[in-house]
Structures are given as structure tokens and as C-alpha cells.
C-alpha atoms as a PDB file:
ATOM      1  CA  MET A   1       5.240  32.769 -37.476  1.00  0.00           C
ATOM      2  CA  SER A   2       2.810  33.790 -34.785  1.00  0.00           C
ATOM      3  CA  GLN A   3      -0.738  32.505 -34.672  1.00  0.00           C
ATOM      4  CA  GLN A   4      -2.941  33.956 -37.404  1.00  0.00           C
ATOM      5  CA  VAL A   5      -6.303  34.837 -35.879  1.00  0.00           C
ATOM      6  CA  ILE A   6      -9.321  34.742 -38.170  1.00  0.00           C
ATOM      7  CA  ASN A   7     -11.274  38.007 -38.084  1.00  0.00           C
ATOM      8  CA  VAL A   8     -14.943  37.058 -37.697  1.00  0.00           C
ATOM      9  CA  GLY A   9     -16.250  40.640 -37.664  1.00  0.00           C
ATOM     10  CA  SER A  10     -18.248  42.345 -34.922  1.00  0.00           C
ATOM     11  CA  THR A  11     -21.630  40.791 -35.676  1.00  0.00           C
ATOM     12  CA  ALA A  12     -22.890  38.073 -37.961  1.00  0.00           C
ATOM     13  CA  ASN A  13     -22.781  38.954 -41.666  1.00  0.00           C
ATOM     14  CA  ASP A  14     -21.406  42.491 -41.125  1.00  0.00           C
ATOM     15  CA  ASN A  15     -18.874  41.997 -43.954  1.00  0.00           C
ATOM     16  CA  ASN A  16     -16.042  43.249 -41.718  1.00  0.00           C
ATOM     17  CA  GLY A  17     -14.363  39.853 -41.140  1.00  0.00           C
ATOM     18  CA  ASP A  18     -11.985  37.809 -43.246  1.00  0.00           C
ATOM     19  CA  THR A  19     -13.309  36.226 -46.428  1.00  0.00           C
ATOM     20  CA  LEU A  20     -14.035  32.525 -46.409  1.00  0.00           C
ATOM     21  CA  ARG A  21     -10.941  31.901 -48.541  1.00  0.00           C
ATOM     22  CA  GLY A  22      -8.776  34.181 -46.389  1.00  0.00           C
ATOM     23  CA  SER A  23      -9.971  32.413 -43.223  1.00  0.00           C
ATOM     24  CA  TRP A  24      -8.966  29.008 -44.545  1.00  0.00           C
ATOM     25  CA  ILE A  25      -5.604  30.314 -45.717  1.00  0.00           C
ATOM     26  CA  LYS A  26      -4.933  31.414 -42.112  1.00  0.00           C
ATOM     27  CA  ALA A  27      -6.233  28.111 -40.712  1.00  0.00           C
ATOM     28  CA  ASN A  28      -4.000  26.094 -43.052  1.00  0.00           C
ATOM     29  CA  ALA A  29      -0.970  28.230 -42.149  1.00  0.00           C
ATOM     30  CA  ASN A  30      -1.661  27.676 -38.436  1.00  0.00           C
ATOM     31  CA  PHE A  31      -1.911  23.898 -38.933  1.00  0.00           C
ATOM     32  CA  ASP A  32       1.247  23.849 -41.100  1.00  0.00           C
ATOM     33  CA  GLU A  33       3.173  25.483 -38.265  1.00  0.00           C
ATOM     34  CA  ILE A  34       1.848  23.003 -35.680  1.00  0.00           C
ATOM     35  CA  TYR A  35       2.634  19.967 -37.848  1.00  0.00           C
ATOM     36  CA  ALA A  36       6.127  21.293 -38.615  1.00  0.00           C
ATOM     37  CA  ALA A  37       6.819  21.702 -34.887  1.00  0.00           C
ATOM     38  CA  LEU A  38       5.662  18.176 -33.983  1.00  0.00           C
ATOM     39  CA  PRO A  39       7.995  15.498 -35.227  1.00  0.00           C
ATOM     40  CA  MET A  40       5.973  12.687 -36.734  1.00  0.00           C
ATOM     41  CA  VAL A  41       8.368   9.857 -36.051  1.00  0.00           C
ATOM     42  CA  ALA A  42       7.758   6.332 -37.212  1.00  0.00           C
ATOM     43  CA  PRO A  43       8.733   3.574 -34.793  1.00  0.00           C
ATOM     44  CA  SER A  44      12.290   2.372 -35.242  1.00  0.00           C
ATOM     45  CA  THR A  45      14.215  -0.640 -33.997  1.00  0.00           C
ATOM     46  CA  TRP A  46      17.154  -0.957 -31.649  1.00  0.00           C
ATOM     47  CA  VAL A  47      19.143  -3.867 -30.258  1.00  0.00           C
ATOM     48  CA  PRO A  48      18.503  -4.331 -26.527  1.00  0.00           C
ATOM     49  CA  THR A  49      20.814  -6.095 -24.119  1.00  0.00           C
ATOM     50  CA  LEU A  50      19.833  -8.220 -21.151  1.00  0.00           C
ATOM     51  CA  ILE A  51      22.451  -8.612 -18.430  1.00  0.00           C
ATOM     52  CA  ASP A  52      22.924  -9.711 -14.840  1.00  0.00           C
ATOM     53  CA  SER A  53      24.570  -6.624 -13.277  1.00  0.00           C
ATOM     54  CA  GLY A  54      26.695  -8.879 -11.067  1.00  0.00           C
ATOM     55  CA  GLY A  55      27.992 -10.777 -14.083  1.00  0.00           C
ATOM     56  CA  GLY A  56      27.158 -14.224 -12.688  1.00  0.00           C
ATOM     57  CA  ARG A  57      24.501 -15.167 -15.219  1.00  0.00           C
ATOM     58  CA  THR A  58      24.443 -14.754 -18.975  1.00  0.00           C
ATOM     59  CA  PHE A  59      21.504 -14.961 -21.357  1.00  0.00           C
ATOM     60  CA  ASN A  60      21.356 -16.023 -24.979  1.00  0.00           C
ATOM     61  CA  PHE A  61      18.119 -14.657 -26.411  1.00  0.00           C
ATOM     62  CA  THR A  62      16.229 -13.875 -29.579  1.00  0.00           C
ATOM     63  CA  VAL A  63      14.822 -10.392 -30.081  1.00  0.00           C
ATOM     64  CA  ASN A  64      11.314 -10.967 -31.431  1.00  0.00           C
ATOM     65  CA  THR A  65      10.580  -7.230 -31.465  1.00  0.00           C
ATOM     66  CA  ALA A  66      12.336  -4.107 -30.195  1.00  0.00           C
ATOM     67  CA  ARG A  67      10.519  -0.932 -31.230  1.00  0.00           C
ATOM     68  CA  ARG A  68      10.840   2.625 -30.002  1.00  0.00           C
ATOM     69  CA  THR A  69       9.330   6.004 -30.799  1.00  0.00           C
ATOM     70  CA  ALA A  70      10.559   9.363 -29.551  1.00  0.00           C
ATOM     71  CA  VAL A  71       8.500  12.542 -29.737  1.00  0.00           C
ATOM     72  CA  GLY A  72      10.387  15.422 -28.195  1.00  0.00           C
ATOM     73  CA  PHE A  73      11.650  14.306 -24.791  1.00  0.00           C
ATOM     74  CA  VAL A  74       9.163  11.419 -24.489  1.00  0.00           C
ATOM     75  CA  GLU A  75      10.349   7.924 -25.417  1.00  0.00           C
ATOM     76  CA  THR A  76       8.110   4.862 -25.738  1.00  0.00           C
ATOM     77  CA  PHE A  77       9.414   1.345 -26.223  1.00  0.00           C
ATOM     78  CA  THR A  78       8.333  -2.284 -26.451  1.00  0.00           C
ATOM     79  CA  VAL A  79      10.660  -5.289 -26.295  1.00  0.00           C
ATOM     80  CA  ASP A  80       9.732  -8.949 -26.842  1.00  0.00           C
ATOM     81  CA  LEU A  81      12.490 -11.463 -26.046  1.00  0.00           C
ATOM     82  CA  THR A  82      12.636 -15.254 -26.051  1.00  0.00           C
ATOM     83  CA  ILE A  83      15.358 -16.724 -23.855  1.00  0.00           C
ATOM     84  CA  ASN A  84      17.229 -19.479 -25.715  1.00  0.00           C
ATOM     85  CA  SER A  85      19.659 -20.499 -22.972  1.00  0.00           C
ATOM     86  CA  VAL A  86      20.892 -19.378 -19.564  1.00  0.00           C
ATOM     87  CA  SER A  87      24.229 -20.109 -17.910  1.00  0.00           C
ATOM     88  CA  GLY A  88      25.700 -19.340 -14.493  1.00  0.00           C
ATOM     89  CA  SER A  89      24.053 -18.255 -11.248  1.00  0.00           C
ATOM     90  CA  ALA A  90      22.333 -14.901 -10.804  1.00  0.00           C
ATOM     91  CA  THR A  91      24.450 -12.481  -8.760  1.00  0.00           C
ATOM     92  CA  GLY A  92      22.946  -9.071  -9.547  1.00  0.00           C
ATOM     93  CA  ASN A  93      20.008  -7.160 -10.927  1.00  0.00           C
ATOM     94  CA  LEU A  94      18.507  -8.111 -14.295  1.00  0.00           C
ATOM     95  CA  ARG A  95      18.968  -5.098 -16.557  1.00  0.00           C
ATOM     96  CA  LEU A  96      17.323  -4.478 -19.907  1.00  0.00           C
ATOM     97  CA  SER A  97      18.929  -1.699 -21.940  1.00  0.00           C
ATOM     98  CA  LEU A  98      16.836   1.255 -23.122  1.00  0.00           C
ATOM     99  CA  PRO A  99      17.133   3.103 -26.445  1.00  0.00           C
ATOM    100  CA  ASP A 100      18.152   6.354 -24.679  1.00  0.00           C
ATOM    101  CA  ALA A 101      19.113   7.500 -21.191  1.00  0.00           C
ATOM    102  CA  ALA A 102      16.164   8.256 -18.901  1.00  0.00           C
ATOM    103  CA  THR A 103      15.957  11.543 -17.042  1.00  0.00           C
ATOM    104  CA  TYR A 104      13.754  10.276 -14.205  1.00  0.00           C
ATOM    105  CA  ASP A 105      12.677   6.984 -12.640  1.00  0.00           C
ATOM    106  CA  ALA A 106       9.620   5.381 -14.236  1.00  0.00           C
ATOM    107  CA  ALA A 107       7.694   2.106 -14.041  1.00  0.00           C
ATOM    108  CA  VAL A 108       7.460  -0.393 -16.893  1.00  0.00           C
ATOM    109  CA  SER A 109       4.900  -3.023 -17.742  1.00  0.00           C
ATOM    110  CA  ILE A 110       6.098  -6.637 -17.938  1.00  0.00           C
ATOM    111  CA  TRP A 111       4.573  -9.849 -19.249  1.00  0.00           C
ATOM    112  CA  LEU A 112       6.508 -13.042 -18.497  1.00  0.00           C
ATOM    113  CA  ASP A 113       5.862 -16.624 -19.551  1.00  0.00           C
ATOM    114  CA  ASN A 114       7.617 -19.837 -18.555  1.00  0.00           C
ATOM    115  CA  ALA A 115       9.605 -18.503 -15.599  1.00  0.00           C
ATOM    116  CA  THR A 116      10.961 -20.928 -13.000  1.00  0.00           C
ATOM    117  CA  ALA A 117       8.407 -19.877 -10.350  1.00  0.00           C
ATOM    118  CA  GLN A 118       5.647 -18.579 -12.597  1.00  0.00           C
ATOM    119  CA  ALA A 119       2.659 -19.281 -10.332  1.00  0.00           C
ATOM    120  CA  LYS A 120       3.929 -17.487  -7.249  1.00  0.00           C
ATOM    121  CA  THR A 121       5.887 -14.575  -8.703  1.00  0.00           C
ATOM    122  CA  SER A 122       4.770 -11.027  -9.490  1.00  0.00           C
ATOM    123  CA  VAL A 123       7.067  -9.310 -11.973  1.00  0.00           C
ATOM    124  CA  ILE A 124       7.838  -5.609 -11.686  1.00  0.00           C
ATOM    125  CA  GLY A 125      10.145  -3.229 -13.486  1.00  0.00           C
ATOM    126  CA  LYS A 126      11.680   0.167 -12.913  1.00  0.00           C
ATOM    127  CA  ILE A 127      13.510   2.499 -15.259  1.00  0.00           C
ATOM    128  CA  VAL A 128      16.424   3.928 -13.309  1.00  0.00           C
ATOM    129  CA  GLY A 129      16.679   7.682 -13.855  1.00  0.00           C
ATOM    130  CA  GLY A 130      20.042   8.879 -15.120  1.00  0.00           C
ATOM    131  CA  THR A 131      20.793   5.503 -16.770  1.00  0.00           C
ATOM    132  CA  SER A 132      20.065   3.684 -20.024  1.00  0.00           C
ATOM    133  CA  TYR A 133      18.460   0.610 -18.476  1.00  0.00           C
ATOM    134  CA  CYS A 134      15.481  -0.704 -16.550  1.00  0.00           C
ATOM    135  CA  GLU A 135      15.734  -3.243 -13.756  1.00  0.00           C
ATOM    136  CA  LEU A 136      13.402  -6.233 -13.877  1.00  0.00           C
ATOM    137  CA  SER A 137      12.511  -7.843 -10.576  1.00  0.00           C
ATOM    138  CA  HIS A 138      10.064 -10.234  -9.016  1.00  0.00           C
ATOM    139  CA  TYR A 139       8.104  -9.753  -5.844  1.00  0.00           C
ATOM    140  CA  GLU A 140       7.595 -12.781  -3.687  1.00  0.00           C
ATOM    141  CA  THR A 141       6.805 -13.222   0.032  1.00  0.00           C
ATOM    142  CA  GLY A 142       7.370  -9.546   0.762  1.00  0.00           C
ATOM    143  CA  ASP A 143      10.757  -9.249  -0.938  1.00  0.00           C
ATOM    144  CA  ILE A 144      11.847  -7.703  -4.230  1.00  0.00           C
ATOM    145  CA  THR A 145      14.673  -9.612  -5.900  1.00  0.00           C
ATOM    146  CA  SER A 146      16.269  -9.760  -9.325  1.00  0.00           C
ATOM    147  CA  LEU A 147      14.333 -11.505 -12.068  1.00  0.00           C
ATOM    148  CA  ALA A 148      17.651 -12.914 -13.359  1.00  0.00           C
ATOM    149  CA  SER A 149      17.219 -16.102 -11.320  1.00  0.00           C
ATOM    150  CA  GLN A 150      13.700 -16.696 -12.684  1.00  0.00           C
ATOM    151  CA  LEU A 151      14.521 -16.795 -16.402  1.00  0.00           C
ATOM    152  CA  GLN A 152      15.215 -20.108 -18.105  1.00  0.00           C
ATOM    153  CA  ALA A 153      15.439 -21.465 -21.631  1.00  0.00           C
ATOM    154  CA  THR A 154      12.095 -20.863 -23.413  1.00  0.00           C
ATOM    155  CA  SER A 155      11.105 -18.001 -21.073  1.00  0.00           C
ATOM    156  CA  ARG A 156       9.494 -15.172 -22.981  1.00  0.00           C
ATOM    157  CA  ILE A 157       9.407 -11.632 -21.668  1.00  0.00           C
ATOM    158  CA  LEU A 158       7.703  -8.516 -23.016  1.00  0.00           C
ATOM    159  CA  VAL A 159       8.531  -5.119 -21.540  1.00  0.00           C
ATOM    160  CA  SER A 160       6.841  -1.819 -22.455  1.00  0.00           C
ATOM    161  CA  GLY A 161       7.307   1.624 -21.049  1.00  0.00           C
ATOM    162  CA  VAL A 162       7.238   5.382 -21.446  1.00  0.00           C
ATOM    163  CA  TYR A 163       9.862   7.711 -20.013  1.00  0.00           C
ATOM    164  CA  PHE A 164      11.410  11.145 -20.338  1.00  0.00           C
ATOM    165  CA  LYS A 165      14.755  10.962 -22.055  1.00  0.00           C
ATOM    166  CA  ALA A 166      17.759  13.147 -21.350  1.00  0.00           C
END
């Protein structure tokens, strides 16, 4: 259906426009079309993974929350993890899986508690375009390195982001 334009007449009260009832019928039809075109999607859950891309370190964690919402090509997500145990030595980038593949690079917001170097570490994250993961890093003394070495048992990490999905 194309937009239904309400005829308001040429001048006020000239009786050449749509009736009040007819105007609201058109308005309702226009809104029905808009609402039908916009998917009203409730947040859903997914099961994220957290890996050291080099395979040297493994994480046992509890997913406190993993919610996502997709409207068209835009995906939003929030993940809240508590690390239960860590084994091995970090050898690669810390990667958190995403619900869908990202079309472009994007930044994510991170909150981290109880890391090994909490007081002197800034945490940063980047969704890697063309993949289904974001890389979580820390920035310290001018260098960006994997956050994998900073997580320990009882660390808690929250990651939120918005990206365009493929």
C-alpha cells in the first residue's frame, strides 16, 4: 500500500476535505503499514563462548545474562559472565562470540571486575567485521594486549554493543 494522504481541503471548513472518520481510517492504515514493516522483536538469549584464540588458556564461566535483539540489520547484545576457573597461559586474543556475524568493525563497551591488574588496566573491545566475535583487550603503558591474561577465577565481565549484521 502506498501512503494514504489525508485531504484537508483548500481552506479551513470548506467541506472539500476528508471526513473526520475517513481521515482517521487513513491514519490508522498508514500506522498499520509502518508497524507491519518494523519487526517488534523481544530480546532473546544465546549461548556465548569465550576463548583464547591461541588455545593456550581455557575459561570455565557462568553466563549470568546473554541477551540480544535484532531489528533489521542492527543487532544489540549484552553479556554478563562470571569466570569460575582459568587454566593454562594466554597465547592469543580473548574472543567473545556474537549472536550473528558482523558486517563491519565496531566498538563495544566493557565493564570488568576482579581482574589481575585491575587498578592499572583500561579494557577495550572491538567487534571484528566479517566475523562472529569481538576481541577483548587491555591497554596498559601504551600497548594493547589480549585481556585473556587478566581474567582469573571470580572475575566478572559485562560486554555490550551494537553492530550491523550480515
